[in-house]
Amino acid sequence: MPVIQLPSPSGMEFYRLGLPAAYQAPDVSLNRIAFAAAHVVADPISAADPWTEVAIDWDATLAYRRHLWSHGLAVAEAMDTAQRGMGLSWAQALELIQKSVSEASSVEGAVVFSGVGTDHLFPSQDFTLKEVESAYLEQLEVVQKAGSRVILMASRALAMIANDPEDYAKVYESVLRQAEKPVILHWLGEMFDPALAGYWGSSETDIAMDACLQIINANSEKIDGIKISLLSKEAEITMRRQLPERVRMYTGDDFNYAELIAGDDQGYSDALLGIFDAIAPAASAALAHLAVGNLDRFHEIFAPTVPLSQHIFGAPTRFYKTGIVFLAWLNGHQTHFTMVGGQESARSTLHLVELFRLADQAGLLIDPEMACSRMKAWLVTRGVG
């Protein structure tokens, strides 16, 4: 196996790569719904200024969605992982949704749910609740027209102007009435987006949860489920046990997903995870073993992926996309490590070196020779080597 010199806080160290994992899994229908929130691939040779303009390599972006579908995962489109609100504008998000839905139509069994939000508004204290509601409805209309199911994203504009839980209830109930099919709600914690602090009308998790549950109970026929991204398994389990019977909990906990998906004697979580973009082969195999009742193998596959995920999503969590794209590049899913908005610079050299080690130790570098070659070339660009 290849050997590479890697930097560490104490200097350069030799590191020998291991073998990629061999994921052999039964060919069965899964008993959990599993979404991967998918990233976008930037166009590396566009003349667009990456800080002010967005240039996407559509062929590579859609090819990555085919990769996710090939592993039996559904795609959560135009979400936080696609740099929505961190480089990707609403106009580009809509184009992405339309292209992804069209691509899915040619892939048997492919599923796409897409993000609906208010990100075409620049948050201002001067907005009214009615204007935020109208912004949601504007996106809802065109996403449904594109043929996609809906994930109702949290709104920075609403977080800025809402005074209490009742304001959230007014907006959500109005928007949900116009949903053609049940939607997935998304509660994104402030560790992912500081502008969403105090969502649902309180900075206290239990009070915010009660407010959200009231909205769900009052509109349960319009809600397929809720994804919570709070990185707290205790909060997720507490809320899961209070949901109406037909409303699903989709874990968004990139730290504790294995335990939450496995569940307990009172229920389990389905999955809508950014980390599944990076670990699709492992996720698919683990879920297949879970479907046939092989819980030991399920945990055995997921166990080494958890340290990797915890590292990728470490604080400041909002920069996790850099690690997701870096691993996609190491594995040959794209030809470069360039990101929308120049976000390839958002993590340190040592952070990405540790990601490389953890991905290798999890068996997730599918071609160690290629990954090693790319890592050496990238280190030179960082002044190492």
Protein backbone atom coordinates (compact mmCIF):
# COMPACT_ATOMS: atom_id res chain seq x y z
CA MET A 1 0.00 0.00 0.00
CA PRO A 2 1.19 3.56 -0.73
CA VAL A 3 3.07 5.64 1.82
CA ILE A 4 2.85 9.42 2.10
CA GLN A 5 4.49 12.07 4.25
CA LEU A 6 1.85 14.10 6.09
CA PRO A 7 2.23 17.18 8.25
CA SER A 8 1.27 17.09 11.92
CA PRO A 9 1.57 19.60 14.78
CA SER A 10 4.95 18.04 15.63
CA GLY A 11 6.33 17.88 12.08
CA MET A 12 6.24 15.57 9.06
CA GLU A 13 5.27 11.92 9.55
CA PHE A 14 5.17 8.91 7.25
CA TYR A 15 1.72 7.37 6.86
CA ARG A 16 0.89 4.07 5.16
CA LEU A 17 -2.59 3.75 3.70
CA GLY A 18 -4.78 0.72 4.30
CA LEU A 19 -7.06 -1.25 2.04
CA PRO A 20 -10.47 0.09 0.99
CA ALA A 21 -13.41 -1.56 2.73
CA ALA A 22 -15.21 -4.35 0.90
CA TYR A 23 -18.90 -3.63 1.45
CA GLN A 24 -20.77 -6.83 0.72
CA ALA A 25 -24.43 -6.45 1.53
CA PRO A 26 -27.68 -8.30 0.84
CA ASP A 27 -29.76 -7.09 -2.09
CA VAL A 28 -32.89 -6.10 -0.18
CA SER A 29 -35.33 -3.25 0.18
CA LEU A 30 -34.29 -0.91 2.98
CA ASN A 31 -36.45 -0.53 6.07
CA ARG A 32 -35.26 3.02 6.65
CA ILE A 33 -35.70 6.00 4.35
CA ALA A 34 -32.25 7.44 3.69
CA PHE A 35 -31.52 10.78 2.05
CA ALA A 36 -28.09 12.12 1.22
CA ALA A 37 -27.93 15.91 1.13
CA ALA A 38 -25.85 16.32 -2.02
CA HIS A 39 -23.04 18.78 -2.77
CA VAL A 40 -22.47 20.70 -6.00
CA VAL A 41 -19.33 20.58 -8.14
CA ALA A 42 -17.90 23.94 -9.13
CA ASP A 43 -16.61 24.68 -12.62
CA PRO A 44 -12.85 25.08 -12.04
CA ILE A 45 -12.05 26.85 -15.31
CA SER A 46 -14.86 29.39 -15.33
CA ALA A 47 -13.85 33.03 -15.55
CA ALA A 48 -16.42 33.82 -12.85
CA ASP A 49 -15.09 35.34 -9.64
CA PRO A 50 -15.88 32.61 -7.07
CA TRP A 51 -16.65 35.12 -4.31
CA THR A 52 -19.28 36.98 -6.31
CA GLU A 53 -20.49 34.59 -9.00
CA VAL A 54 -21.47 30.94 -9.13
CA ALA A 55 -20.15 28.59 -11.81
CA ILE A 56 -21.29 24.96 -11.62
CA ASP A 57 -20.04 21.93 -13.52
CA TRP A 58 -23.45 20.50 -14.26
CA ASP A 59 -22.22 17.22 -15.75
CA ALA A 60 -20.12 16.39 -12.67
CA THR A 61 -22.85 17.59 -10.30
CA LEU A 62 -25.48 15.36 -11.89
CA ALA A 63 -23.06 12.44 -12.13
CA TYR A 64 -22.65 12.63 -8.36
CA ARG A 65 -26.40 12.35 -7.92
CA ARG A 66 -26.38 9.23 -10.09
CA HIS A 67 -23.67 7.87 -7.78
CA LEU A 68 -25.91 8.45 -4.75
CA TRP A 69 -28.96 6.91 -6.44
CA SER A 70 -26.88 3.88 -7.46
CA HIS A 71 -26.42 3.15 -3.76
CA GLY A 72 -30.15 3.29 -3.10
CA LEU A 73 -30.09 6.70 -1.43
CA ALA A 74 -32.62 9.44 -2.05
CA VAL A 75 -31.27 12.92 -2.82
CA ALA A 76 -32.06 15.95 -0.69
CA GLU A 77 -31.47 18.65 -3.25
CA ALA A 78 -30.42 22.30 -2.95
CA MET A 79 -29.92 22.10 0.79
CA ASP A 80 -27.18 23.35 3.10
CA THR A 81 -24.73 20.74 1.74
CA ALA A 82 -25.15 22.26 -1.73
CA GLN A 83 -23.94 25.55 -0.20
CA ARG A 84 -27.43 27.02 -0.21
CA GLY A 85 -26.97 30.38 1.45
CA MET A 86 -23.16 29.99 1.37
CA GLY A 87 -22.47 30.67 -2.29
CA LEU A 88 -25.46 29.12 -4.09
CA SER A 89 -28.17 31.67 -4.89
CA TRP A 90 -31.88 30.88 -5.16
CA ALA A 91 -31.71 31.22 -8.96
CA GLN A 92 -28.93 28.63 -9.10
CA ALA A 93 -30.70 26.44 -6.55
CA LEU A 94 -33.82 26.37 -8.72
CA GLU A 95 -31.79 25.44 -11.79
CA LEU A 96 -30.14 22.68 -9.75
CA ILE A 97 -33.52 21.37 -8.62
CA GLN A 98 -34.89 21.36 -12.16
CA LYS A 99 -31.85 19.56 -13.56
CA SER A 100 -31.81 17.02 -10.72
CA VAL A 101 -35.50 16.19 -11.13
CA SER A 102 -35.00 15.78 -14.88
CA GLU A 103 -32.00 13.52 -14.29
CA ALA A 104 -33.96 11.44 -11.76
CA SER A 105 -36.63 10.74 -14.36
CA SER A 106 -34.13 8.61 -16.28
CA VAL A 107 -32.99 6.61 -13.22
CA GLU A 108 -35.26 3.85 -11.98
CA GLY A 109 -36.31 4.38 -8.37
CA ALA A 110 -34.54 7.73 -8.03
CA VAL A 111 -36.08 10.04 -5.41
CA VAL A 112 -35.58 13.81 -5.08
CA PHE A 113 -36.88 16.12 -2.36
CA SER A 114 -35.78 19.75 -2.69
CA GLY A 115 -35.33 22.69 -0.40
CA VAL A 116 -37.93 25.47 -0.31
CA GLY A 117 -36.99 28.55 1.66
CA THR A 118 -36.89 32.34 1.58
CA ASP A 119 -33.26 32.86 0.64
CA HIS A 120 -34.08 35.17 -2.27
CA LEU A 121 -34.94 37.73 0.43
CA PHE A 122 -32.10 39.62 2.04
CA PRO A 123 -33.05 39.39 5.74
CA SER A 124 -34.21 42.71 7.13
CA GLN A 125 -36.04 43.82 10.25
CA ASP A 126 -38.34 45.76 7.93
CA PHE A 127 -39.97 42.64 6.47
CA THR A 128 -43.44 41.60 7.57
CA LEU A 129 -44.62 38.08 8.26
CA LYS A 130 -46.77 38.33 5.15
CA GLU A 131 -43.72 39.07 3.01
CA VAL A 132 -41.86 36.08 4.42
CA GLU A 133 -44.90 33.89 3.83
CA SER A 134 -45.11 35.14 0.22
CA ALA A 135 -41.43 34.36 -0.31
CA TYR A 136 -41.94 30.78 0.91
CA LEU A 137 -44.98 30.41 -1.36
CA GLU A 138 -43.07 31.75 -4.36
CA GLN A 139 -40.42 29.05 -4.00
CA LEU A 140 -42.96 26.36 -3.12
CA GLU A 141 -44.88 27.00 -6.33
CA VAL A 142 -41.92 26.67 -8.67
CA VAL A 143 -40.36 23.68 -6.87
CA GLN A 144 -43.66 21.78 -7.01
CA LYS A 145 -44.04 22.79 -10.67
CA ALA A 146 -40.59 21.31 -11.32
CA GLY A 147 -41.92 17.95 -10.09
CA SER A 148 -40.00 17.73 -6.83
CA ARG A 149 -41.21 16.83 -3.38
CA VAL A 150 -40.50 19.49 -0.79
CA ILE A 151 -38.26 20.04 2.21
CA LEU A 152 -39.42 23.20 3.97
CA MET A 153 -36.19 24.86 5.05
CA ALA A 154 -35.71 27.19 7.98
CA SER A 155 -35.87 30.88 7.08
CA ARG A 156 -33.25 33.43 8.11
CA ALA A 157 -35.75 36.19 7.36
CA LEU A 158 -38.36 34.65 9.64
CA ALA A 159 -35.80 34.10 12.39
CA MET A 160 -34.95 37.80 12.22
CA ILE A 161 -38.49 39.21 12.50
CA ALA A 162 -40.53 36.62 14.42
CA ASN A 163 -41.37 37.74 17.92
CA ASP A 164 -42.71 34.50 19.35
CA PRO A 165 -43.82 30.94 18.48
CA GLU A 166 -47.17 32.23 17.25
CA ASP A 167 -45.45 34.12 14.44
CA TYR A 168 -43.82 30.88 13.26
CA ALA A 169 -47.14 29.07 13.46
CA LYS A 170 -48.89 31.69 11.30
CA VAL A 171 -46.30 31.49 8.53
CA TYR A 172 -45.87 27.71 8.54
CA GLU A 173 -49.59 26.95 8.63
CA SER A 174 -50.21 29.26 5.67
CA VAL A 175 -47.39 27.74 3.63
CA LEU A 176 -48.32 24.16 4.50
CA ARG A 177 -51.87 24.70 3.24
CA GLN A 178 -50.42 25.17 -0.27
CA ALA A 179 -48.30 22.01 -0.21
CA GLU A 180 -49.55 19.49 -2.77
CA LYS A 181 -47.96 16.54 -0.95
CA PRO A 182 -46.66 16.09 2.61
CA VAL A 183 -43.39 17.92 3.16
CA ILE A 184 -40.35 17.40 5.37
CA LEU A 185 -39.74 20.22 7.84
CA HIS A 186 -36.15 21.16 8.60
CA TRP A 187 -34.96 22.47 11.95
CA LEU A 188 -31.38 23.59 11.34
CA GLY A 189 -29.43 24.46 14.47
CA GLU A 190 -27.33 27.57 14.89
CA MET A 191 -24.12 25.51 14.76
CA PHE A 192 -24.91 25.03 11.06
CA ASP A 193 -26.19 28.58 10.54
CA PRO A 194 -25.78 31.21 13.27
CA ALA A 195 -28.53 33.32 11.64
CA LEU A 196 -31.06 30.66 12.73
CA ALA A 197 -30.44 31.04 16.47
CA GLY A 198 -33.67 31.02 18.46
CA TYR A 199 -35.70 29.33 15.73
CA TRP A 200 -39.33 28.50 16.60
CA GLY A 201 -39.30 31.49 18.94
CA SER A 202 -36.89 30.46 21.69
CA SER A 203 -33.20 29.82 22.31
CA GLU A 204 -34.23 27.11 24.80
CA THR A 205 -34.36 23.77 22.98
CA ASP A 206 -37.29 22.37 24.97
CA ILE A 207 -39.42 25.49 24.45
CA ALA A 208 -38.56 25.63 20.75
CA MET A 209 -39.36 21.93 20.44
CA ASP A 210 -42.79 22.42 22.02
CA ALA A 211 -43.54 25.21 19.56
CA CYS A 212 -42.47 23.08 16.61
CA LEU A 213 -44.51 20.12 17.84
CA GLN A 214 -47.58 22.31 18.07
CA ILE A 215 -47.19 23.23 14.41
CA ILE A 216 -46.70 19.57 13.46
CA ASN A 217 -49.73 18.40 15.45
CA ALA A 218 -51.93 21.10 13.94
CA ASN A 219 -50.83 20.27 10.37
CA SER A 220 -49.87 16.60 10.53
CA GLU A 221 -51.68 15.67 7.31
CA LYS A 222 -49.35 18.04 5.44
CA ILE A 223 -46.14 16.79 7.05
CA ASP A 224 -44.21 13.67 6.06
CA GLY A 225 -41.59 14.21 8.75
CA ILE A 226 -39.11 16.54 10.32
CA LYS A 227 -35.34 16.63 10.11
CA ILE A 228 -33.62 18.13 13.12
CA SER A 229 -29.97 19.12 12.88
CA LEU A 230 -29.05 19.97 16.46
CA LEU A 231 -26.22 17.43 16.94
CA SER A 232 -28.00 16.25 20.11
CA LYS A 233 -29.22 12.69 20.19
CA GLU A 234 -31.09 13.39 23.42
CA ALA A 235 -33.12 16.20 21.81
CA GLU A 236 -33.85 14.08 18.74
CA ILE A 237 -35.04 11.08 20.76
CA THR A 238 -37.18 13.30 23.00
CA MET A 239 -38.87 14.86 20.00
CA ARG A 240 -39.17 11.57 18.11
CA ARG A 241 -41.18 10.07 20.94
CA GLN A 242 -43.66 12.97 20.79
CA LEU A 243 -44.35 13.01 17.06
CA PRO A 244 -47.77 12.00 15.71
CA GLU A 245 -47.79 8.36 14.64
CA ARG A 246 -47.51 8.94 10.88
CA VAL A 247 -44.89 11.72 11.05
CA ARG A 248 -41.30 10.54 10.62
CA MET A 249 -38.19 11.70 12.39
CA TYR A 250 -35.30 12.16 9.95
CA THR A 251 -32.02 12.32 11.79
CA GLY A 252 -29.81 15.21 10.85
CA ASP A 253 -27.31 14.31 13.57
CA ASP A 254 -23.99 13.76 11.84
CA PHE A 255 -22.43 12.78 15.18
CA ASN A 256 -24.83 10.05 16.38
CA TYR A 257 -26.59 8.78 13.25
CA ALA A 258 -25.85 5.08 13.71
CA GLU A 259 -27.49 4.88 17.13
CA LEU A 260 -30.45 7.01 16.06
CA ILE A 261 -31.12 5.04 12.88
CA ALA A 262 -30.88 1.73 14.74
CA GLY A 263 -33.41 3.07 17.22
CA ASP A 264 -34.72 1.62 20.46
CA ASP A 265 -37.81 -0.15 21.73
CA GLN A 266 -39.80 3.08 21.30
CA GLY A 267 -38.88 3.88 17.72
CA TYR A 268 -36.15 4.85 15.29
CA SER A 269 -35.10 7.68 13.00
CA ASP A 270 -34.94 7.67 9.24
CA ALA A 271 -32.06 9.67 7.79
CA LEU A 272 -31.43 12.92 5.96
CA LEU A 273 -27.72 13.52 6.33
CA GLY A 274 -24.92 15.51 4.78
CA ILE A 275 -22.41 12.84 5.77
CA PHE A 276 -24.21 10.30 3.56
CA ASP A 277 -22.95 12.33 0.58
CA ALA A 278 -19.42 11.35 1.61
CA ILE A 279 -20.00 7.78 2.84
CA ALA A 280 -22.68 6.54 0.43
CA PRO A 281 -21.21 3.03 -0.11
CA ALA A 282 -20.87 2.44 3.64
CA ALA A 283 -24.32 3.87 4.39
CA SER A 284 -25.98 1.74 1.74
CA ALA A 285 -24.32 -1.45 2.97
CA ALA A 286 -25.01 -0.76 6.63
CA LEU A 287 -28.68 -0.05 5.97
CA ALA A 288 -29.03 -3.24 3.93
CA HIS A 289 -27.70 -5.29 6.84
CA LEU A 290 -30.07 -3.50 9.19
CA ALA A 291 -32.97 -4.41 6.88
CA VAL A 292 -32.23 -8.14 7.32
CA GLY A 293 -31.77 -7.81 11.07
CA ASN A 294 -27.96 -8.00 11.14
CA LEU A 295 -27.50 -5.22 13.69
CA ASP A 296 -23.93 -6.21 14.52
CA ARG A 297 -22.78 -5.77 10.92
CA PHE A 298 -24.74 -2.51 10.67
CA HIS A 299 -22.78 -1.07 13.59
CA GLU A 300 -19.51 -2.64 12.41
CA ILE A 301 -19.76 -0.80 9.08
CA PHE A 302 -20.85 2.53 10.56
CA ALA A 303 -18.47 2.56 13.55
CA PRO A 304 -15.32 3.76 11.72
CA THR A 305 -17.30 6.37 9.77
CA VAL A 306 -18.43 8.17 12.91
CA PRO A 307 -15.01 9.65 13.88
CA LEU A 308 -14.67 10.85 10.29
CA SER A 309 -18.11 12.48 10.38
CA GLN A 310 -17.48 14.07 13.77
CA HIS A 311 -14.28 15.55 12.37
CA ILE A 312 -15.90 16.83 9.16
CA PHE A 313 -18.74 18.42 11.12
CA GLY A 314 -16.55 19.77 13.91
CA ALA A 315 -16.81 23.44 14.87
CA PRO A 316 -17.25 25.72 13.09
CA THR A 317 -19.78 23.24 11.72
CA ARG A 318 -20.98 25.41 8.85
CA PHE A 319 -17.69 24.73 7.04
CA TYR A 320 -18.35 20.97 6.83
CA LYS A 321 -19.00 21.28 3.09
CA THR A 322 -15.27 21.73 2.52
CA GLY A 323 -14.58 18.26 3.92
CA ILE A 324 -17.42 16.70 1.94
CA VAL A 325 -16.06 18.06 -1.34
CA PHE A 326 -12.45 17.22 -0.43
CA LEU A 327 -13.36 13.55 0.07
CA ALA A 328 -15.36 13.47 -3.17
CA TRP A 329 -12.24 14.75 -4.96
CA LEU A 330 -9.93 12.25 -3.26
CA ASN A 331 -12.26 9.48 -4.43
CA GLY A 332 -12.26 10.62 -8.06
CA HIS A 333 -15.85 11.86 -8.25
CA GLN A 334 -14.58 15.22 -9.48
CA THR A 335 -11.38 16.32 -11.14
CA HIS A 336 -10.50 19.19 -8.79
CA PHE A 337 -10.85 20.59 -5.29
CA THR A 338 -12.49 23.92 -6.12
CA MET A 339 -15.74 25.03 -4.50
CA VAL A 340 -18.52 27.52 -5.04
CA GLY A 341 -17.72 30.69 -3.14
CA GLY A 342 -14.06 29.74 -2.76
CA GLN A 343 -15.00 27.56 0.21
CA GLU A 344 -12.10 25.17 -0.44
CA SER A 345 -10.13 27.56 1.78
CA ALA A 346 -12.49 27.25 4.74
CA ARG A 347 -10.59 24.46 6.53
CA SER A 348 -6.96 24.30 7.60
CA THR A 349 -4.29 22.06 6.11
CA LEU A 350 -4.10 20.00 9.31
CA HIS A 351 -7.89 19.59 9.39
CA LEU A 352 -7.96 18.13 5.89
CA VAL A 353 -4.89 15.97 6.56
CA GLU A 354 -6.69 14.43 9.52
CA LEU A 355 -9.76 13.92 7.32
CA PHE A 356 -7.54 12.00 4.88
CA ARG A 357 -6.29 9.74 7.70
CA LEU A 358 -9.77 9.12 9.10
CA ALA A 359 -11.24 8.37 5.67
CA ASP A 360 -8.45 5.86 5.07
CA GLN A 361 -8.96 4.25 8.47
CA ALA A 362 -12.67 3.91 7.68
CA GLY A 363 -11.84 2.17 4.39
CA LEU A 364 -13.51 4.97 2.45
CA LEU A 365 -10.67 5.80 0.04
CA ILE A 366 -11.81 3.63 -2.83
CA ASP A 367 -8.53 3.92 -4.77
CA PRO A 368 -5.69 4.51 -2.27
CA GLU A 369 -3.08 5.07 -4.98
CA MET A 370 -5.15 7.82 -6.60
CA ALA A 371 -6.06 9.37 -3.25
CA CYS A 372 -2.41 9.39 -2.22
CA SER A 373 -1.35 11.00 -5.49
CA ARG A 374 -3.98 13.70 -5.19
CA MET A 375 -3.11 14.34 -1.55
CA LYS A 376 0.57 14.83 -2.43
CA ALA A 377 -0.31 17.29 -5.20
CA TRP A 378 -2.67 19.23 -2.93
CA LEU A 379 -0.11 19.45 -0.11
CA VAL A 380 2.27 21.20 -2.49
CA THR A 381 -0.36 23.90 -3.09
CA ARG A 382 -0.47 24.39 0.70
CA GLY A 383 3.30 24.85 0.88
CA VAL A 384 3.97 21.32 2.17
CA GLY A 385 6.16 18.80 0.42
